[in-house]
Amino acid sequence: AVLFAKTSKALTRLNEMIREGRISKTYW
């Protein structure tokens, strides 16, 4: 799984969530 943003607003908010550790990523 790879996450992409389709709008600049979504990208800004998702980048902030990445920096703050608010996107959970699980690997096998």
PDB file of all heavy atoms in Angstrom:
ATOM      1  N   ALA A   1       0.813  -1.216   0.000  1.00  0.00           N
ATOM      2  CA  ALA A   1       0.000   0.000   0.000  1.00  0.00           C
ATOM      3  C   ALA A   1       0.850   1.271   0.000  1.00  0.00           C
ATOM      4  O   ALA A   1       1.743   1.427   0.834  1.00  0.00           O
ATOM      5  CB  ALA A   1      -0.926  -0.003   1.211  1.00  0.00           C
ATOM      6  N   VAL A   2       0.532   2.164  -0.947  1.00  0.00           N
ATOM      7  CA  VAL A   2       1.160   3.483  -1.029  1.00  0.00           C
ATOM      8  C   VAL A   2       0.044   4.526  -1.135  1.00  0.00           C
ATOM      9  O   VAL A   2      -0.894   4.365  -1.910  1.00  0.00           O
ATOM     10  CB  VAL A   2       2.098   3.596  -2.246  1.00  0.00           C
ATOM     11  CG1 VAL A   2       2.750   4.978  -2.284  1.00  0.00           C
ATOM     12  CG2 VAL A   2       3.165   2.514  -2.215  1.00  0.00           C
ATOM     13  N   LEU A   3       0.181   5.596  -0.369  1.00  0.00           N
ATOM     14  CA  LEU A   3      -0.850   6.633  -0.283  1.00  0.00           C
ATOM     15  C   LEU A   3      -0.470   7.842  -1.136  1.00  0.00           C
ATOM     16  O   LEU A   3       0.646   8.357  -1.042  1.00  0.00           O
ATOM     17  CB  LEU A   3      -1.023   7.050   1.180  1.00  0.00           C
ATOM     18  CG  LEU A   3      -1.963   8.205   1.526  1.00  0.00           C
ATOM     19  CD1 LEU A   3      -3.388   7.922   1.051  1.00  0.00           C
ATOM     20  CD2 LEU A   3      -1.939   8.455   3.039  1.00  0.00           C
ATOM     21  N   PHE A   4      -1.423   8.297  -1.962  1.00  0.00           N
ATOM     22  CA  PHE A   4      -1.247   9.482  -2.804  1.00  0.00           C
ATOM     23  C   PHE A   4      -2.366  10.479  -2.503  1.00  0.00           C
ATOM     24  O   PHE A   4      -3.493  10.077  -2.190  1.00  0.00           O
ATOM     25  CB  PHE A   4      -1.309   9.119  -4.291  1.00  0.00           C
ATOM     26  CG  PHE A   4      -0.197   8.228  -4.767  1.00  0.00           C
ATOM     27  CD1 PHE A   4      -0.339   6.843  -4.731  1.00  0.00           C
ATOM     28  CD2 PHE A   4       0.976   8.765  -5.252  1.00  0.00           C
ATOM     29  CE1 PHE A   4       0.672   6.012  -5.177  1.00  0.00           C
ATOM     30  CE2 PHE A   4       2.000   7.944  -5.705  1.00  0.00           C
ATOM     31  CZ  PHE A   4       1.849   6.564  -5.668  1.00  0.00           C
ATOM     32  N   ALA A   5      -2.046  11.774  -2.647  1.00  0.00           N
ATOM     33  CA  ALA A   5      -3.052  12.826  -2.514  1.00  0.00           C
ATOM     34  C   ALA A   5      -3.434  13.327  -3.899  1.00  0.00           C
ATOM     35  O   ALA A   5      -2.582  13.526  -4.760  1.00  0.00           O
ATOM     36  CB  ALA A   5      -2.512  13.974  -1.667  1.00  0.00           C
ATOM     37  N   LYS A   6      -4.727  13.561  -4.110  1.00  0.00           N
ATOM     38  CA  LYS A   6      -5.210  14.026  -5.412  1.00  0.00           C
ATOM     39  C   LYS A   6      -5.479  15.521  -5.443  1.00  0.00           C
ATOM     40  O   LYS A   6      -5.791  16.074  -6.507  1.00  0.00           O
ATOM     41  CB  LYS A   6      -6.475  13.255  -5.796  1.00  0.00           C
ATOM     42  CG  LYS A   6      -6.226  11.764  -6.047  1.00  0.00           C
ATOM     43  CD  LYS A   6      -7.519  10.998  -6.282  1.00  0.00           C
ATOM     44  CE  LYS A   6      -8.266  11.466  -7.503  1.00  0.00           C
ATOM     45  NZ  LYS A   6      -9.525  10.703  -7.707  1.00  0.00           N
ATOM     46  N   THR A   7      -5.362  16.185  -4.287  1.00  0.00           N
ATOM     47  CA  THR A   7      -5.501  17.640  -4.226  1.00  0.00           C
ATOM     48  C   THR A   7      -4.386  18.199  -3.350  1.00  0.00           C
ATOM     49  O   THR A   7      -3.851  17.504  -2.472  1.00  0.00           O
ATOM     50  CB  THR A   7      -6.856  18.072  -3.632  1.00  0.00           C
ATOM     51  OG1 THR A   7      -6.911  17.670  -2.246  1.00  0.00           O
ATOM     52  CG2 THR A   7      -8.021  17.440  -4.378  1.00  0.00           C
ATOM     53  N   SER A   8      -4.066  19.468  -3.560  1.00  0.00           N
ATOM     54  CA  SER A   8      -3.012  20.096  -2.758  1.00  0.00           C
ATOM     55  C   SER A   8      -3.432  20.210  -1.291  1.00  0.00           C
ATOM     56  O   SER A   8      -2.602  20.086  -0.387  1.00  0.00           O
ATOM     57  CB  SER A   8      -2.666  21.467  -3.321  1.00  0.00           C
ATOM     58  OG  SER A   8      -3.804  22.309  -3.360  1.00  0.00           O
ATOM     59  N   LYS A   9      -4.718  20.441  -1.047  1.00  0.00           N
ATOM     60  CA  LYS A   9      -5.192  20.534   0.334  1.00  0.00           C
ATOM     61  C   LYS A   9      -5.019  19.206   1.049  1.00  0.00           C
ATOM     62  O   LYS A   9      -4.540  19.157   2.196  1.00  0.00           O
ATOM     63  CB  LYS A   9      -6.666  20.953   0.367  1.00  0.00           C
ATOM     64  CG  LYS A   9      -7.248  21.045   1.778  1.00  0.00           C
ATOM     65  CD  LYS A   9      -8.625  21.691   1.792  1.00  0.00           C
ATOM     66  CE  LYS A   9      -9.680  20.779   1.217  1.00  0.00           C
ATOM     67  NZ  LYS A   9     -11.056  21.344   1.404  1.00  0.00           N
ATOM     68  N   ALA A  10      -5.378  18.119   0.396  1.00  0.00           N
ATOM     69  CA  ALA A  10      -5.207  16.800   1.003  1.00  0.00           C
ATOM     70  C   ALA A  10      -3.734  16.498   1.238  1.00  0.00           C
ATOM     71  O   ALA A  10      -3.362  15.942   2.279  1.00  0.00           O
ATOM     72  CB  ALA A  10      -5.841  15.732   0.113  1.00  0.00           C
ATOM     73  N   LEU A  11      -2.878  16.879   0.292  1.00  0.00           N
ATOM     74  CA  LEU A  11      -1.443  16.616   0.446  1.00  0.00           C
ATOM     75  C   LEU A  11      -0.880  17.360   1.651  1.00  0.00           C
ATOM     76  O   LEU A  11      -0.114  16.782   2.446  1.00  0.00           O
ATOM     77  CB  LEU A  11      -0.697  17.032  -0.824  1.00  0.00           C
ATOM     78  CG  LEU A  11       0.819  16.802  -0.802  1.00  0.00           C
ATOM     79  CD1 LEU A  11       1.143  15.333  -0.627  1.00  0.00           C
ATOM     80  CD2 LEU A  11       1.455  17.355  -2.075  1.00  0.00           C
ATOM     81  N   THR A  12      -1.253  18.615   1.811  1.00  0.00           N
ATOM     82  CA  THR A  12      -0.766  19.396   2.951  1.00  0.00           C
ATOM     83  C   THR A  12      -1.175  18.755   4.272  1.00  0.00           C
ATOM     84  O   THR A  12      -0.358  18.613   5.193  1.00  0.00           O
ATOM     85  CB  THR A  12      -1.305  20.841   2.879  1.00  0.00           C
ATOM     86  OG1 THR A  12      -0.812  21.469   1.696  1.00  0.00           O
ATOM     87  CG2 THR A  12      -0.876  21.646   4.089  1.00  0.00           C
ATOM     88  N   ARG A  13      -2.416  18.348   4.357  1.00  0.00           N
ATOM     89  CA  ARG A  13      -2.905  17.759   5.610  1.00  0.00           C
ATOM     90  C   ARG A  13      -2.303  16.381   5.860  1.00  0.00           C
ATOM     91  O   ARG A  13      -1.961  16.036   7.003  1.00  0.00           O
ATOM     92  CB  ARG A  13      -4.432  17.684   5.583  1.00  0.00           C
ATOM     93  CG  ARG A  13      -5.093  19.056   5.599  1.00  0.00           C
ATOM     94  CD  ARG A  13      -6.609  18.983   5.547  1.00  0.00           C
ATOM     95  NE  ARG A  13      -7.204  20.311   5.578  1.00  0.00           N
ATOM     96  CZ  ARG A  13      -8.509  20.559   5.499  1.00  0.00           C
ATOM     97  NH1 ARG A  13      -9.366  19.545   5.380  1.00  0.00           N
ATOM     98  NH2 ARG A  13      -8.960  21.790   5.532  1.00  0.00           N
ATOM     99  N   LEU A  14      -2.167  15.572   4.814  1.00  0.00           N
ATOM    100  CA  LEU A  14      -1.583  14.242   4.981  1.00  0.00           C
ATOM    101  C   LEU A  14      -0.093  14.327   5.330  1.00  0.00           C
ATOM    102  O   LEU A  14       0.404  13.538   6.143  1.00  0.00           O
ATOM    103  CB  LEU A  14      -1.795  13.410   3.716  1.00  0.00           C
ATOM    104  CG  LEU A  14      -3.235  12.957   3.469  1.00  0.00           C
ATOM    105  CD1 LEU A  14      -3.399  12.430   2.045  1.00  0.00           C
ATOM    106  CD2 LEU A  14      -3.665  11.893   4.476  1.00  0.00           C
ATOM    107  N   ASN A  15       0.618  15.287   4.739  1.00  0.00           N
ATOM    108  CA  ASN A  15       2.020  15.481   5.090  1.00  0.00           C
ATOM    109  C   ASN A  15       2.172  15.863   6.563  1.00  0.00           C
ATOM    110  O   ASN A  15       3.104  15.408   7.237  1.00  0.00           O
ATOM    111  CB  ASN A  15       2.652  16.564   4.205  1.00  0.00           C
ATOM    112  CG  ASN A  15       3.019  16.046   2.828  1.00  0.00           C
ATOM    113  OD1 ASN A  15       3.158  14.845   2.621  1.00  0.00           O
ATOM    114  ND2 ASN A  15       3.188  16.954   1.883  1.00  0.00           N
ATOM    115  N   GLU A  16       1.262  16.700   7.046  1.00  0.00           N
ATOM    116  CA  GLU A  16       1.287  17.077   8.457  1.00  0.00           C
ATOM    117  C   GLU A  16       1.036  15.851   9.337  1.00  0.00           C
ATOM    118  O   GLU A  16       1.684  15.661  10.371  1.00  0.00           O
ATOM    119  CB  GLU A  16       0.234  18.150   8.727  1.00  0.00           C
ATOM    120  CG  GLU A  16       0.194  18.623  10.173  1.00  0.00           C
ATOM    121  CD  GLU A  16      -0.858  19.693  10.407  1.00  0.00           C
ATOM    122  OE1 GLU A  16      -1.556  20.069   9.436  1.00  0.00           O
ATOM    123  OE2 GLU A  16      -0.997  20.139  11.554  1.00  0.00           O
ATOM    124  N   MET A  17       0.108  14.996   8.917  1.00  0.00           N
ATOM    125  CA  MET A  17      -0.179  13.780   9.681  1.00  0.00           C
ATOM    126  C   MET A  17       1.023  12.835   9.702  1.00  0.00           C
ATOM    127  O   MET A  17       1.310  12.196  10.711  1.00  0.00           O
ATOM    128  CB  MET A  17      -1.414  13.095   9.089  1.00  0.00           C
ATOM    129  CG  MET A  17      -2.693  13.887   9.303  1.00  0.00           C
ATOM    130  SD  MET A  17      -4.052  13.392   8.195  1.00  0.00           S
ATOM    131  CE  MET A  17      -4.349  11.729   8.752  1.00  0.00           C
ATOM    132  N   ILE A  18       1.741  12.764   8.577  1.00  0.00           N
ATOM    133  CA  ILE A  18       2.957  11.948   8.531  1.00  0.00           C
ATOM    134  C   ILE A  18       3.980  12.473   9.531  1.00  0.00           C
ATOM    135  O   ILE A  18       4.584  11.709  10.305  1.00  0.00           O
ATOM    136  CB  ILE A  18       3.557  11.945   7.102  1.00  0.00           C
ATOM    137  CG1 ILE A  18       2.751  11.026   6.180  1.00  0.00           C
ATOM    138  CG2 ILE A  18       5.021  11.519   7.123  1.00  0.00           C
ATOM    139  CD1 ILE A  18       3.054   9.551   6.324  1.00  0.00           C
ATOM    140  N   ARG A  19       4.196  13.780   9.529  1.00  0.00           N
ATOM    141  CA  ARG A  19       5.176  14.381  10.443  1.00  0.00           C
ATOM    142  C   ARG A  19       4.809  14.141  11.898  1.00  0.00           C
ATOM    143  O   ARG A  19       5.690  13.955  12.750  1.00  0.00           O
ATOM    144  CB  ARG A  19       5.295  15.888  10.175  1.00  0.00           C
ATOM    145  CG  ARG A  19       6.015  16.247   8.889  1.00  0.00           C
ATOM    146  CD  ARG A  19       6.360  17.742   8.859  1.00  0.00           C
ATOM    147  NE  ARG A  19       5.170  18.574   8.903  1.00  0.00           N
ATOM    148  CZ  ARG A  19       4.506  18.989   7.832  1.00  0.00           C
ATOM    149  NH1 ARG A  19       4.911  18.623   6.626  1.00  0.00           N
ATOM    150  NH2 ARG A  19       3.443  19.763   7.954  1.00  0.00           N
ATOM    151  N   GLU A  20       3.514  14.135  12.183  1.00  0.00           N
ATOM    152  CA  GLU A  20       3.048  13.970  13.563  1.00  0.00           C
ATOM    153  C   GLU A  20       2.843  12.509  13.950  1.00  0.00           C
ATOM    154  O   GLU A  20       2.415  12.214  15.068  1.00  0.00           O
ATOM    155  CB  GLU A  20       1.751  14.756  13.763  1.00  0.00           C
ATOM    156  CG  GLU A  20       1.925  16.266  13.606  1.00  0.00           C
ATOM    157  CD  GLU A  20       0.611  17.026  13.682  1.00  0.00           C
ATOM    158  OE1 GLU A  20      -0.460  16.360  13.681  1.00  0.00           O
ATOM    159  OE2 GLU A  20       0.656  18.273  13.739  1.00  0.00           O
ATOM    160  N   GLY A  21       3.115  11.602  13.030  1.00  0.00           N
ATOM    161  CA  GLY A  21       2.973  10.180  13.329  1.00  0.00           C
ATOM    162  C   GLY A  21       1.534   9.721  13.432  1.00  0.00           C
ATOM    163  O   GLY A  21       1.238   8.738  14.119  1.00  0.00           O
ATOM    164  N   ARG A  22       0.623  10.381  12.707  1.00  0.00           N
ATOM    165  CA  ARG A  22      -0.796  10.051  12.804  1.00  0.00           C
ATOM    166  C   ARG A  22      -1.293   9.183  11.654  1.00  0.00           C
ATOM    167  O   ARG A  22      -2.492   8.984  11.507  1.00  0.00           O
ATOM    168  CB  ARG A  22      -1.631  11.336  12.900  1.00  0.00           C
ATOM    169  CG  ARG A  22      -1.390  12.099  14.199  1.00  0.00           C
ATOM    170  CD  ARG A  22      -2.397  13.202  14.413  1.00  0.00           C
ATOM    171  NE  ARG A  22      -2.196  14.324  13.508  1.00  0.00           N
ATOM    172  CZ  ARG A  22      -3.124  14.788  12.672  1.00  0.00           C
ATOM    173  NH1 ARG A  22      -4.310  14.206  12.593  1.00  0.00           N
ATOM    174  NH2 ARG A  22      -2.864  15.832  11.902  1.00  0.00           N
ATOM    175  N   ILE A  23      -0.371   8.682  10.848  1.00  0.00           N
ATOM    176  CA  ILE A  23      -0.714   7.682   9.834  1.00  0.00           C
ATOM    177  C   ILE A  23      -0.052   6.376  10.231  1.00  0.00           C
ATOM    178  O   ILE A  23       1.170   6.279  10.313  1.00  0.00           O
ATOM    179  CB  ILE A  23      -0.267   8.120   8.425  1.00  0.00           C
ATOM    180  CG1 ILE A  23      -1.024   9.387   8.011  1.00  0.00           C
ATOM    181  CG2 ILE A  23      -0.506   7.003   7.412  1.00  0.00           C
ATOM    182  CD1 ILE A  23      -0.692   9.887   6.616  1.00  0.00           C
ATOM    183  N   SER A  24      -0.875   5.390  10.526  1.00  0.00           N
ATOM    184  CA  SER A  24      -0.370   4.104  10.990  1.00  0.00           C
ATOM    185  C   SER A  24      -0.019   3.222   9.795  1.00  0.00           C
ATOM    186  O   SER A  24      -0.838   3.032   8.896  1.00  0.00           O
ATOM    187  CB  SER A  24      -1.428   3.411  11.858  1.00  0.00           C
ATOM    188  OG  SER A  24      -1.000   2.116  12.232  1.00  0.00           O
ATOM    189  N   LYS A  25       1.207   2.675   9.794  1.00  0.00           N
ATOM    190  CA  LYS A  25       1.665   1.821   8.697  1.00  0.00           C
ATOM    191  C   LYS A  25       2.126   0.474   9.252  1.00  0.00           C
ATOM    192  O   LYS A  25       3.003   0.423  10.104  1.00  0.00           O
ATOM    193  CB  LYS A  25       2.805   2.504   7.935  1.00  0.00           C
ATOM    194  CG  LYS A  25       2.356   3.744   7.165  1.00  0.00           C
ATOM    195  CD  LYS A  25       3.509   4.412   6.438  1.00  0.00           C
ATOM    196  CE  LYS A  25       4.353   5.217   7.390  1.00  0.00           C
ATOM    197  NZ  LYS A  25       5.411   5.992   6.692  1.00  0.00           N
ATOM    198  N   THR A  26       1.492  -0.579   8.752  1.00  0.00           N
ATOM    199  CA  THR A  26       1.819  -1.934   9.180  1.00  0.00           C
ATOM    200  C   THR A  26       2.396  -2.707   8.002  1.00  0.00           C
ATOM    201  O   THR A  26       1.849  -2.665   6.898  1.00  0.00           O
ATOM    202  CB  THR A  26       0.565  -2.663   9.701  1.00  0.00           C
ATOM    203  OG1 THR A  26       0.025  -1.925  10.813  1.00  0.00           O
ATOM    204  CG2 THR A  26       0.909  -4.077  10.160  1.00  0.00           C
ATOM    205  N   TYR A  27       3.490  -3.405   8.255  1.00  0.00           N
ATOM    206  CA  TYR A  27       4.170  -4.188   7.222  1.00  0.00           C
ATOM    207  C   TYR A  27       4.188  -5.662   7.607  1.00  0.00           C
ATOM    208  O   TYR A  27       4.189  -6.008   8.782  1.00  0.00           O
ATOM    209  CB  TYR A  27       5.623  -3.722   7.060  1.00  0.00           C
ATOM    210  CG  TYR A  27       5.786  -2.396   6.369  1.00  0.00           C
ATOM    211  CD1 TYR A  27       5.509  -1.200   7.033  1.00  0.00           C
ATOM    212  CD2 TYR A  27       6.233  -2.317   5.057  1.00  0.00           C
ATOM    213  CE1 TYR A  27       5.665   0.024   6.406  1.00  0.00           C
ATOM    214  CE2 TYR A  27       6.396  -1.098   4.409  1.00  0.00           C
ATOM    215  CZ  TYR A  27       6.111   0.071   5.097  1.00  0.00           C
ATOM    216  OH  TYR A  27       6.261   1.273   4.468  1.00  0.00           O
ATOM    217  N   TRP A  28       4.221  -6.504   6.587  1.00  0.00           N
ATOM    218  CA  TRP A  28       4.508  -7.918   6.769  1.00  0.00           C
ATOM    219  C   TRP A  28       5.877  -8.216   6.182  1.00  0.00           C
ATOM    220  O   TRP A  28       6.207  -7.757   5.080  1.00  0.00           O
ATOM    221  CB  TRP A  28       3.461  -8.770   6.051  1.00  0.00           C
ATOM    222  CG  TRP A  28       2.196  -8.977   6.822  1.00  0.00           C
ATOM    223  CD1 TRP A  28       1.848  -8.434   8.026  1.00  0.00           C
ATOM    224  CD2 TRP A  28       1.085  -9.793   6.432  1.00  0.00           C
ATOM    225  NE1 TRP A  28       0.599  -8.842   8.416  1.00  0.00           N
ATOM    226  CE2 TRP A  28       0.110  -9.689   7.446  1.00  0.00           C
ATOM    227  CE3 TRP A  28       0.827 -10.592   5.320  1.00  0.00           C
ATOM    228  CZ2 TRP A  28      -1.111 -10.366   7.389  1.00  0.00           C
ATOM    229  CZ3 TRP A  28      -0.384 -11.267   5.252  1.00  0.00           C
ATOM    230  CH2 TRP A  28      -1.339 -11.158   6.275  1.00  0.00           C
TER     231      TRP A  28
END
